[in-house]
Amino acid sequence: MEKLLLKDIERDTFRRSTLIAIPGLRDLLEINDEFTYREVFFGIVRDALQEYEKYIPAFIQSSIYINPDDRMNYDFVDNFDLYLQGRLDEENISLIPTAVLGLTTGSWTNTGSLIRQFRYDPPRISELWFGAKSYTVQYLANRPIYEEYDEVTKEYTDKCAIYYMSDKFGSKYKVLKDQIYVELCRYLMNMRKNLMLQNLPVELFQGLEEDYQKVDAELKEFYLQSMTYGQYLR
């Protein structure tokens, strides 16, 4: 199972922030006594992932097995928690699709030969006229992100991660890193507007805002291309 650990995301993001000389980033994120800086950063990552997946959701192919008493319909369930608990194999993971691209009665297919005669109203796919016992389904879904901290050290555990994502995913990973960085910059700029960081030098925020505008513009261009061509969905 590919996963991107929160501790690795934090390391890469904090290292990047040093390039524009943001001092004491951990202390800045912990300015609210209710949450640790890791809890605040996890929220930033979660918000970034939600924005990212509007354009680049996870592409998943898996098998579904139809109830013999009702071969016209199938209800997707999210059983990812069972996988995290060690009660389910990776091959049996099911997520609730945001969109179903197609299905086949065989074990594997390409998009050119997919069955598309069905109806999908989350979480139910219906009007499966072929009446097969099982199908291979291709669908888009939101990647699970799991929050967990060590009870003693308060550090991220190895379960605390974005799943179906890896630093080996090339441009997909780079864009996600950029989106997290943009969300971090936005968070800090909003803190300053709310009079929480007024003691920091003006020059610091000039560099921050310039970098934010540059990366945000690049992201918008990338997302526009992904919507136009769709080659980043896999």
Protein backbone atom coordinates (compact mmCIF):
# COMPACT_ATOMS: atom_id res chain seq x y z
CA MET A 1 0.00 0.00 0.00
CA GLU A 2 1.48 3.33 -1.06
CA LYS A 3 1.34 5.94 1.67
CA LEU A 4 2.88 9.29 2.40
CA LEU A 5 3.75 9.63 6.08
CA LEU A 6 2.83 12.88 7.82
CA LYS A 7 6.27 13.04 9.42
CA ASP A 8 7.84 12.99 5.94
CA ILE A 9 5.42 15.62 4.65
CA GLU A 10 6.24 17.80 7.66
CA ARG A 11 9.99 17.42 7.12
CA ASP A 12 9.80 18.32 3.42
CA THR A 13 7.44 21.26 4.02
CA PHE A 14 9.41 22.71 6.91
CA ARG A 15 12.66 22.35 4.94
CA ARG A 16 11.07 24.26 2.07
CA SER A 17 9.90 27.02 4.41
CA THR A 18 13.52 27.76 5.36
CA LEU A 19 14.13 28.96 1.80
CA ILE A 20 12.07 32.07 2.53
CA ALA A 21 13.43 32.35 6.08
CA ILE A 22 10.29 31.66 8.11
CA PRO A 23 11.68 31.55 11.68
CA GLY A 24 10.37 29.15 14.32
CA LEU A 25 7.65 27.60 12.16
CA ARG A 26 6.75 25.04 14.80
CA ASP A 27 6.22 27.81 17.35
CA LEU A 28 4.11 29.80 14.90
CA LEU A 29 1.80 26.84 14.33
CA GLU A 30 1.50 26.23 18.07
CA ILE A 31 0.35 29.76 18.88
CA ASN A 32 -3.07 28.31 19.74
CA ASP A 33 -2.85 26.55 23.11
CA GLU A 34 -5.68 24.15 22.24
CA PHE A 35 -3.67 22.21 19.65
CA THR A 36 -0.11 21.05 19.17
CA TYR A 37 1.71 22.24 16.08
CA ARG A 38 1.38 18.73 14.64
CA GLU A 39 -2.40 18.84 14.99
CA VAL A 40 -2.49 22.24 13.29
CA PHE A 41 -0.20 21.01 10.51
CA PHE A 42 -2.33 17.90 10.00
CA GLY A 43 -5.34 20.18 9.47
CA ILE A 44 -3.40 22.16 6.88
CA VAL A 45 -2.45 18.95 5.05
CA ARG A 46 -6.05 17.70 5.15
CA ASP A 47 -7.33 20.97 3.65
CA ALA A 48 -4.65 20.83 0.96
CA LEU A 49 -5.59 17.25 0.10
CA GLN A 50 -9.26 18.18 -0.26
CA GLU A 51 -8.37 20.93 -2.73
CA TYR A 52 -5.91 18.70 -4.61
CA GLU A 53 -8.46 15.93 -5.04
CA LYS A 54 -10.96 18.20 -6.73
CA TYR A 55 -8.62 17.83 -9.71
CA ILE A 56 -6.50 14.73 -9.09
CA PRO A 57 -8.42 12.03 -7.19
CA ALA A 58 -7.12 8.50 -6.72
CA PHE A 59 -7.66 6.12 -9.64
CA ILE A 60 -8.59 2.68 -8.32
CA GLN A 61 -9.35 -0.66 -9.94
CA SER A 62 -10.88 -3.38 -7.79
CA SER A 63 -13.30 -6.30 -7.85
CA ILE A 64 -16.85 -6.30 -6.52
CA TYR A 65 -18.99 -9.34 -5.82
CA ILE A 66 -22.72 -9.10 -6.38
CA ASN A 67 -25.42 -10.44 -4.08
CA PRO A 68 -27.04 -13.29 -6.05
CA ASP A 69 -30.46 -12.14 -4.82
CA ASP A 70 -29.97 -8.66 -6.27
CA ARG A 71 -27.62 -8.70 -9.26
CA MET A 72 -28.89 -5.37 -10.54
CA ASN A 73 -27.43 -3.30 -7.67
CA TYR A 74 -24.32 -2.98 -5.54
CA ASP A 75 -23.64 -0.69 -2.57
CA PHE A 76 -20.03 0.43 -2.08
CA VAL A 77 -18.79 0.61 1.51
CA ASP A 78 -15.76 2.30 3.02
CA ASN A 79 -13.91 -0.40 4.93
CA PHE A 80 -10.53 1.30 5.11
CA ASP A 81 -10.63 1.39 8.91
CA LEU A 82 -10.63 -2.42 8.89
CA TYR A 83 -7.44 -2.37 6.83
CA LEU A 84 -5.80 -0.01 9.34
CA GLN A 85 -6.83 -2.36 12.14
CA GLY A 86 -5.13 -5.28 10.35
CA ARG A 87 -8.44 -7.07 9.81
CA LEU A 88 -8.49 -6.74 6.02
CA ASP A 89 -6.06 -7.43 3.18
CA GLU A 90 -5.15 -4.61 0.83
CA GLU A 91 -6.79 -6.35 -2.13
CA ASN A 92 -10.15 -6.31 -0.31
CA ILE A 93 -10.17 -2.59 0.49
CA SER A 94 -13.25 -0.75 -0.68
CA LEU A 95 -13.74 3.01 -0.84
CA ILE A 96 -16.84 4.95 -1.83
CA PRO A 97 -16.21 6.27 -5.37
CA THR A 98 -16.69 9.90 -6.26
CA ALA A 99 -17.23 8.65 -9.82
CA VAL A 100 -17.39 5.22 -11.49
CA LEU A 101 -15.57 5.21 -14.84
CA GLY A 102 -16.77 1.79 -15.93
CA LEU A 103 -16.70 -1.92 -15.23
CA THR A 104 -16.19 -5.27 -16.89
CA THR A 105 -17.13 -8.86 -16.20
CA GLY A 106 -13.49 -9.90 -16.79
CA SER A 107 -10.53 -9.68 -14.45
CA TRP A 108 -8.85 -6.76 -16.23
CA THR A 109 -9.72 -4.31 -18.95
CA ASN A 110 -8.71 -1.05 -20.52
CA THR A 111 -11.00 1.95 -20.68
CA GLY A 112 -11.81 1.24 -24.34
CA SER A 113 -13.82 -1.87 -23.49
CA LEU A 114 -15.52 -0.81 -20.25
CA ILE A 115 -19.23 -1.33 -19.63
CA ARG A 116 -20.80 2.06 -19.10
CA GLN A 117 -24.49 1.13 -19.07
CA PHE A 118 -25.24 1.64 -15.37
CA ARG A 119 -26.35 4.29 -12.91
CA TYR A 120 -24.27 5.54 -9.99
CA ASP A 121 -25.83 7.42 -7.08
CA PRO A 122 -23.28 7.23 -4.25
CA PRO A 123 -22.83 4.76 -2.74
CA ARG A 124 -25.06 2.58 -4.96
CA ILE A 125 -24.34 1.44 -8.50
CA SER A 126 -27.50 0.13 -10.14
CA GLU A 127 -29.03 -1.05 -13.41
CA LEU A 128 -26.33 -3.70 -13.87
CA TRP A 129 -28.11 -5.42 -16.73
CA PHE A 130 -25.39 -8.02 -17.34
CA GLY A 131 -26.34 -9.97 -14.22
CA ALA A 132 -22.78 -11.17 -13.55
CA LYS A 133 -21.61 -12.53 -10.20
CA SER A 134 -18.61 -10.20 -10.09
CA TYR A 135 -17.16 -7.19 -11.88
CA THR A 136 -13.86 -5.38 -12.11
CA VAL A 137 -14.56 -1.70 -11.47
CA GLN A 138 -12.51 1.36 -12.32
CA TYR A 139 -13.38 4.39 -10.22
CA LEU A 140 -12.16 7.66 -8.76
CA ALA A 141 -12.11 8.20 -4.99
CA ASN A 142 -10.74 10.49 -2.31
CA ARG A 143 -7.55 9.24 -0.72
CA PRO A 144 -7.86 8.23 2.93
CA ILE A 145 -5.91 10.42 5.36
CA TYR A 146 -5.53 9.09 8.88
CA GLU A 147 -4.69 11.06 12.02
CA GLU A 148 -2.91 9.35 14.91
CA TYR A 149 -0.26 10.41 17.43
CA ASP A 150 1.93 8.49 19.84
CA GLU A 151 0.41 8.73 23.31
CA VAL A 152 3.78 9.41 24.94
CA THR A 153 5.81 11.47 22.46
CA LYS A 154 2.81 13.07 20.70
CA GLU A 155 4.62 12.45 17.40
CA TYR A 156 2.91 11.11 14.28
CA THR A 157 2.64 7.34 14.17
CA ASP A 158 3.41 5.39 11.00
CA LYS A 159 -0.34 5.04 10.42
CA CYS A 160 -0.68 8.82 10.25
CA ALA A 161 -0.45 9.24 6.50
CA ILE A 162 -2.08 9.96 3.16
CA TYR A 163 -2.82 6.63 1.50
CA TYR A 164 -2.73 5.82 -2.24
CA MET A 165 0.03 8.43 -2.54
CA SER A 166 3.82 8.14 -2.70
CA ASP A 167 6.86 10.34 -3.21
CA LYS A 168 7.54 8.12 -6.24
CA PHE A 169 4.45 9.46 -8.05
CA GLY A 170 6.40 12.18 -9.86
CA SER A 171 4.32 15.18 -10.87
CA LYS A 172 1.35 14.08 -8.75
CA TYR A 173 3.50 14.17 -5.64
CA LYS A 174 5.11 17.49 -6.55
CA VAL A 175 1.72 19.12 -7.06
CA LEU A 176 0.48 17.83 -3.70
CA LYS A 177 3.60 19.21 -2.01
CA ASP A 178 2.97 22.56 -3.68
CA GLN A 179 -0.66 22.55 -2.54
CA ILE A 180 0.36 21.83 1.06
CA TYR A 181 2.91 24.64 0.90
CA VAL A 182 0.29 27.05 -0.48
CA GLU A 183 -2.12 26.12 2.32
CA LEU A 184 0.64 26.68 4.88
CA CYS A 185 1.43 30.11 3.43
CA ARG A 186 -2.27 31.01 3.41
CA TYR A 187 -2.60 29.92 7.03
CA LEU A 188 0.33 32.11 8.13
CA MET A 189 -0.91 35.11 6.16
CA ASN A 190 -4.36 34.76 7.71
CA MET A 191 -2.78 34.61 11.17
CA ARG A 192 -1.03 37.90 10.49
CA LYS A 193 -4.24 39.51 9.22
CA ASN A 194 -5.91 38.41 12.46
CA LEU A 195 -3.23 40.30 14.44
CA MET A 196 -1.62 37.12 15.80
CA LEU A 197 1.81 37.62 14.19
CA GLN A 198 2.19 41.39 14.19
CA ASN A 199 5.64 41.29 15.81
CA LEU A 200 7.27 39.54 12.85
CA PRO A 201 9.15 41.69 10.31
CA VAL A 202 7.20 43.04 7.34
CA GLU A 203 9.97 41.82 5.02
CA LEU A 204 9.28 38.24 6.07
CA PHE A 205 5.70 38.37 4.90
CA GLN A 206 6.63 40.12 1.68
CA GLY A 207 8.77 37.11 0.77
CA LEU A 208 6.06 34.75 1.94
CA GLU A 209 3.33 36.43 -0.11
CA GLU A 210 5.51 36.60 -3.21
CA ASP A 211 6.31 32.90 -2.99
CA TYR A 212 2.67 32.09 -2.29
CA GLN A 213 1.46 33.99 -5.35
CA LYS A 214 4.05 32.32 -7.59
CA VAL A 215 3.32 28.74 -6.48
CA ASP A 216 -0.45 29.30 -6.37
CA ALA A 217 -0.42 30.56 -9.97
CA GLU A 218 1.58 27.50 -11.08
CA LEU A 219 -0.91 25.21 -9.33
CA LYS A 220 -3.90 26.82 -11.00
CA GLU A 221 -2.26 26.38 -14.39
CA PHE A 222 -1.51 22.72 -13.67
CA TYR A 223 -5.07 22.05 -12.50
CA LEU A 224 -6.44 23.70 -15.62
CA GLN A 225 -4.34 21.41 -17.78
CA SER A 226 -5.37 18.33 -15.81
CA MET A 227 -9.05 19.19 -16.32
CA THR A 228 -8.45 19.77 -20.03
CA TYR A 229 -6.45 16.67 -20.82
CA GLY A 230 -7.12 14.29 -17.92
CA GLN A 231 -3.74 12.59 -18.14
CA TYR A 232 -3.06 13.06 -14.43
CA LEU A 233 -5.97 10.93 -13.25
CA ARG A 234 -3.93 7.71 -13.28
